[in-house]
Amino acid sequence: MLCLSQSEYDGHVYICNPVLGEYTTLPPVLGITQYYAPFGFGFRFGYDPSNDEYKVVRLWCCMDMDNKFELVGEIYTLGCDRGSLRGGRALGMCHIQLRQIILQFFLNGVLHWMTKPAIALESTETIVCFHVGSEQFQVLPENNIDISKF
């Protein structure tokens, strides 16, 4: 299975199964309003071996009506039965104020996003984690991250 995107800023995500010659496209972002404009899309593709499912988590940064940056997301589940796309659902706010997703990776069943804070003068990066099996967010402590070593 492949997870492809045309651009990280337009939110279009394509899931391809080259063995079967099939693909599906994630629908447009859920719940966007004129007061909740998205920017800075990020997405990850992970595998949940306990349920034999692939999952796509799409995150984006939004500015709300109080001019605060928030991390918002949604999840899609892909069963192994011929690439059927199930259940796009909003994950809701992660309640992390940030302005940019700078690094993404998948490790040991957990999706990770390194993010920059909402205030540009702050230099502390935060790692946001999403456990694919339990579909739960977690924020790692922010004091010990030195991105100069990446």
C-alpha atoms as a PDB file:
ATOM      1  CA  MET A   1       0.000   0.000   0.000  1.00  0.00           C
ATOM      2  CA  LEU A   2       1.184   3.491  -0.826  1.00  0.00           C
ATOM      3  CA  CYS A   3      -0.028   6.786   0.586  1.00  0.00           C
ATOM      4  CA  LEU A   4       0.624   9.729  -1.749  1.00  0.00           C
ATOM      5  CA  SER A   5      -0.127  13.428  -1.716  1.00  0.00           C
ATOM      6  CA  GLN A   6       0.013  16.005  -4.462  1.00  0.00           C
ATOM      7  CA  SER A   7       1.000  18.751  -2.045  1.00  0.00           C
ATOM      8  CA  GLU A   8       1.062  18.965   1.726  1.00  0.00           C
ATOM      9  CA  TYR A   9      -0.913  22.201   1.515  1.00  0.00           C
ATOM     10  CA  ASP A  10      -3.954  21.130  -0.496  1.00  0.00           C
ATOM     11  CA  GLY A  11      -4.914  18.165   1.664  1.00  0.00           C
ATOM     12  CA  HIS A  12      -5.464  15.703  -1.222  1.00  0.00           C
ATOM     13  CA  VAL A  13      -4.363  12.204  -0.216  1.00  0.00           C
ATOM     14  CA  TYR A  14      -4.385   9.087  -2.424  1.00  0.00           C
ATOM     15  CA  ILE A  15      -4.123   5.487  -1.211  1.00  0.00           C
ATOM     16  CA  CYS A  16      -2.813   3.047  -3.836  1.00  0.00           C
ATOM     17  CA  ASN A  17      -2.506  -0.714  -3.933  1.00  0.00           C
ATOM     18  CA  PRO A  18      -0.074  -1.337  -6.819  1.00  0.00           C
ATOM     19  CA  VAL A  19      -0.452  -5.134  -6.562  1.00  0.00           C
ATOM     20  CA  LEU A  20      -4.192  -4.946  -7.264  1.00  0.00           C
ATOM     21  CA  GLY A  21      -3.939  -1.851  -9.476  1.00  0.00           C
ATOM     22  CA  GLU A  22      -6.485  -0.021  -7.310  1.00  0.00           C
ATOM     23  CA  TYR A  23      -6.582   3.331  -5.576  1.00  0.00           C
ATOM     24  CA  THR A  24      -8.893   5.500  -3.522  1.00  0.00           C
ATOM     25  CA  THR A  25      -8.883   9.193  -2.664  1.00  0.00           C
ATOM     26  CA  LEU A  26      -9.576  10.658   0.745  1.00  0.00           C
ATOM     27  CA  PRO A  27     -12.539  13.025   0.686  1.00  0.00           C
ATOM     28  CA  PRO A  28     -12.064  16.756   1.336  1.00  0.00           C
ATOM     29  CA  VAL A  29     -11.267  17.844   4.870  1.00  0.00           C
ATOM     30  CA  LEU A  30     -14.264  17.614   7.210  1.00  0.00           C
ATOM     31  CA  GLY A  31     -15.735  20.565   9.096  1.00  0.00           C
ATOM     32  CA  ILE A  32     -13.902  23.498   7.517  1.00  0.00           C
ATOM     33  CA  THR A  33     -15.753  26.793   7.855  1.00  0.00           C
ATOM     34  CA  GLN A  34     -14.951  30.395   7.026  1.00  0.00           C
ATOM     35  CA  TYR A  35     -13.971  30.903  10.665  1.00  0.00           C
ATOM     36  CA  TYR A  36     -11.741  27.894  10.774  1.00  0.00           C
ATOM     37  CA  ALA A  37      -9.385  28.137   7.838  1.00  0.00           C
ATOM     38  CA  PRO A  38      -6.813  25.327   7.532  1.00  0.00           C
ATOM     39  CA  PHE A  39      -3.186  25.618   6.564  1.00  0.00           C
ATOM     40  CA  GLY A  40      -0.123  23.428   6.855  1.00  0.00           C
ATOM     41  CA  PHE A  41      -1.566  19.987   6.128  1.00  0.00           C
ATOM     42  CA  GLY A  42       0.316  16.941   7.292  1.00  0.00           C
ATOM     43  CA  PHE A  43      -0.686  13.316   6.963  1.00  0.00           C
ATOM     44  CA  ARG A  44       0.697   9.955   7.917  1.00  0.00           C
ATOM     45  CA  PHE A  45      -0.031   6.404   6.954  1.00  0.00           C
ATOM     46  CA  GLY A  46       0.277   3.655   9.550  1.00  0.00           C
ATOM     47  CA  TYR A  47      -0.528  -0.007  10.033  1.00  0.00           C
ATOM     48  CA  ASP A  48      -2.405  -1.532  12.973  1.00  0.00           C
ATOM     49  CA  PRO A  49      -1.366  -5.225  13.091  1.00  0.00           C
ATOM     50  CA  SER A  50      -3.852  -6.088  15.855  1.00  0.00           C
ATOM     51  CA  ASN A  51      -6.788  -5.295  13.517  1.00  0.00           C
ATOM     52  CA  ASP A  52      -4.968  -5.837  10.187  1.00  0.00           C
ATOM     53  CA  GLU A  53      -5.884  -2.311   9.074  1.00  0.00           C
ATOM     54  CA  TYR A  54      -4.110   0.608   7.509  1.00  0.00           C
ATOM     55  CA  LYS A  55      -4.999   4.049   8.820  1.00  0.00           C
ATOM     56  CA  VAL A  56      -4.436   7.516   7.449  1.00  0.00           C
ATOM     57  CA  VAL A  57      -4.356  10.417   9.880  1.00  0.00           C
ATOM     58  CA  ARG A  58      -4.596  13.859   8.340  1.00  0.00           C
ATOM     59  CA  LEU A  59      -3.639  16.813  10.536  1.00  0.00           C
ATOM     60  CA  TRP A  60      -3.706  20.499   9.829  1.00  0.00           C
ATOM     61  CA  CYS A  61      -3.113  23.743  11.647  1.00  0.00           C
ATOM     62  CA  CYS A  62      -6.038  26.133  11.970  1.00  0.00           C
ATOM     63  CA  MET A  63      -6.569  29.584  13.315  1.00  0.00           C
ATOM     64  CA  ASP A  64      -9.787  29.742  15.322  1.00  0.00           C
ATOM     65  CA  MET A  65     -12.074  32.721  15.967  1.00  0.00           C
ATOM     66  CA  ASP A  66      -9.845  33.789  18.889  1.00  0.00           C
ATOM     67  CA  ASN A  67      -6.815  33.897  16.548  1.00  0.00           C
ATOM     68  CA  LYS A  68      -5.226  30.890  18.240  1.00  0.00           C
ATOM     69  CA  PHE A  69      -3.468  28.209  16.243  1.00  0.00           C
ATOM     70  CA  GLU A  70      -4.731  24.694  16.940  1.00  0.00           C
ATOM     71  CA  LEU A  71      -3.936  21.221  15.671  1.00  0.00           C
ATOM     72  CA  VAL A  72      -6.993  19.460  14.221  1.00  0.00           C
ATOM     73  CA  GLY A  73      -7.250  16.040  12.635  1.00  0.00           C
ATOM     74  CA  GLU A  74      -9.280  13.243  11.150  1.00  0.00           C
ATOM     75  CA  ILE A  75      -8.710   9.531  10.626  1.00  0.00           C
ATOM     76  CA  TYR A  76      -9.579   7.114   7.836  1.00  0.00           C
ATOM     77  CA  THR A  77      -9.370   3.336   8.104  1.00  0.00           C
ATOM     78  CA  LEU A  78      -8.484   1.100   5.190  1.00  0.00           C
ATOM     79  CA  GLY A  79      -9.349  -2.556   5.563  1.00  0.00           C
ATOM     80  CA  CYS A  80      -7.235  -5.149   3.828  1.00  0.00           C
ATOM     81  CA  ASP A  81     -10.320  -6.284   1.897  1.00  0.00           C
ATOM     82  CA  ARG A  82      -9.462  -4.774  -1.482  1.00  0.00           C
ATOM     83  CA  GLY A  83      -8.647  -1.306  -0.216  1.00  0.00           C
ATOM     84  CA  SER A  84     -12.086  -0.351   1.085  1.00  0.00           C
ATOM     85  CA  LEU A  85     -12.038   3.077   2.720  1.00  0.00           C
ATOM     86  CA  ARG A  86     -14.068   3.267   5.891  1.00  0.00           C
ATOM     87  CA  GLY A  87     -15.119   5.886   8.333  1.00  0.00           C
ATOM     88  CA  GLY A  88     -13.587   9.262   7.872  1.00  0.00           C
ATOM     89  CA  ARG A  89     -14.169  10.823  11.236  1.00  0.00           C
ATOM     90  CA  ALA A  90     -12.971  13.938  12.926  1.00  0.00           C
ATOM     91  CA  LEU A  91     -10.419  13.459  15.675  1.00  0.00           C
ATOM     92  CA  GLY A  92     -11.177  16.916  16.994  1.00  0.00           C
ATOM     93  CA  MET A  93      -8.706  19.320  18.458  1.00  0.00           C
ATOM     94  CA  CYS A  94      -5.520  18.138  20.030  1.00  0.00           C
ATOM     95  CA  HIS A  95      -5.466  21.453  21.950  1.00  0.00           C
ATOM     96  CA  ILE A  96      -1.904  22.183  21.003  1.00  0.00           C
ATOM     97  CA  GLN A  97      -1.154  25.671  19.853  1.00  0.00           C
ATOM     98  CA  LEU A  98       1.265  25.465  16.972  1.00  0.00           C
ATOM     99  CA  ARG A  99       1.964  26.984  13.615  1.00  0.00           C
ATOM    100  CA  GLN A 100       3.865  24.392  11.609  1.00  0.00           C
ATOM    101  CA  ILE A 101       4.409  20.651  11.221  1.00  0.00           C
ATOM    102  CA  ILE A 102       8.137  20.235  10.468  1.00  0.00           C
ATOM    103  CA  LEU A 103       8.865  16.494  10.603  1.00  0.00           C
ATOM    104  CA  GLN A 104       6.727  13.339  10.404  1.00  0.00           C
ATOM    105  CA  PHE A 105       7.524   9.659  10.986  1.00  0.00           C
ATOM    106  CA  PHE A 106       5.983   6.269  11.910  1.00  0.00           C
ATOM    107  CA  LEU A 107       7.642   4.068  14.534  1.00  0.00           C
ATOM    108  CA  ASN A 108       6.394   1.030  16.481  1.00  0.00           C
ATOM    109  CA  GLY A 109       2.706   1.557  15.719  1.00  0.00           C
ATOM    110  CA  VAL A 110       2.809   5.252  16.551  1.00  0.00           C
ATOM    111  CA  LEU A 111       2.638   8.207  14.151  1.00  0.00           C
ATOM    112  CA  HIS A 112       4.752  11.205  15.150  1.00  0.00           C
ATOM    113  CA  TRP A 113       4.718  14.858  14.120  1.00  0.00           C
ATOM    114  CA  MET A 114       7.357  17.330  15.241  1.00  0.00           C
ATOM    115  CA  THR A 115       5.742  20.757  15.413  1.00  0.00           C
ATOM    116  CA  LYS A 116       6.761  24.362  15.900  1.00  0.00           C
ATOM    117  CA  PRO A 117       4.959  26.494  18.481  1.00  0.00           C
ATOM    118  CA  ALA A 118       2.334  29.110  17.618  1.00  0.00           C
ATOM    119  CA  ILE A 119       4.540  32.026  18.602  1.00  0.00           C
ATOM    120  CA  ALA A 120       7.428  32.319  16.160  1.00  0.00           C
ATOM    121  CA  LEU A 121       9.795  33.681  18.823  1.00  0.00           C
ATOM    122  CA  GLU A 122       9.502  30.498  20.864  1.00  0.00           C
ATOM    123  CA  SER A 123      12.058  27.878  19.882  1.00  0.00           C
ATOM    124  CA  THR A 124      10.730  24.791  21.656  1.00  0.00           C
ATOM    125  CA  GLU A 125       9.526  22.054  19.338  1.00  0.00           C
ATOM    126  CA  THR A 126       6.848  19.589  20.412  1.00  0.00           C
ATOM    127  CA  ILE A 127       6.320  15.993  19.307  1.00  0.00           C
ATOM    128  CA  VAL A 128       2.682  14.992  18.885  1.00  0.00           C
ATOM    129  CA  CYS A 129       2.052  11.227  18.793  1.00  0.00           C
ATOM    130  CA  PHE A 130      -0.930   9.250  17.589  1.00  0.00           C
ATOM    131  CA  HIS A 131      -1.246   5.585  18.597  1.00  0.00           C
ATOM    132  CA  VAL A 132      -2.681   3.846  15.530  1.00  0.00           C
ATOM    133  CA  GLY A 133      -4.296   0.932  17.409  1.00  0.00           C
ATOM    134  CA  SER A 134      -5.954   2.902  20.222  1.00  0.00           C
ATOM    135  CA  GLU A 135      -6.483   6.074  18.131  1.00  0.00           C
ATOM    136  CA  GLN A 136      -5.244   8.260  20.979  1.00  0.00           C
ATOM    137  CA  PHE A 137      -3.115  11.409  20.860  1.00  0.00           C
ATOM    138  CA  GLN A 138      -0.202  12.045  23.179  1.00  0.00           C
ATOM    139  CA  VAL A 139       2.174  14.982  23.473  1.00  0.00           C
ATOM    140  CA  LEU A 140       5.752  14.187  24.463  1.00  0.00           C
ATOM    141  CA  PRO A 141       7.544  16.435  26.942  1.00  0.00           C
ATOM    142  CA  GLU A 142       9.021  19.350  25.047  1.00  0.00           C
ATOM    143  CA  ASN A 143      12.130  20.264  27.021  1.00  0.00           C
ATOM    144  CA  ASN A 144      14.597  17.695  25.679  1.00  0.00           C
ATOM    145  CA  ILE A 145      14.210  17.975  21.905  1.00  0.00           C
ATOM    146  CA  ASP A 146      17.259  19.155  19.960  1.00  0.00           C
ATOM    147  CA  ILE A 147      16.385  19.081  16.255  1.00  0.00           C
ATOM    148  CA  SER A 148      19.916  20.087  15.209  1.00  0.00           C
ATOM    149  CA  LYS A 149      20.859  16.383  15.528  1.00  0.00           C
ATOM    150  CA  PHE A 150      18.252  15.231  12.961  1.00  0.00           C
END
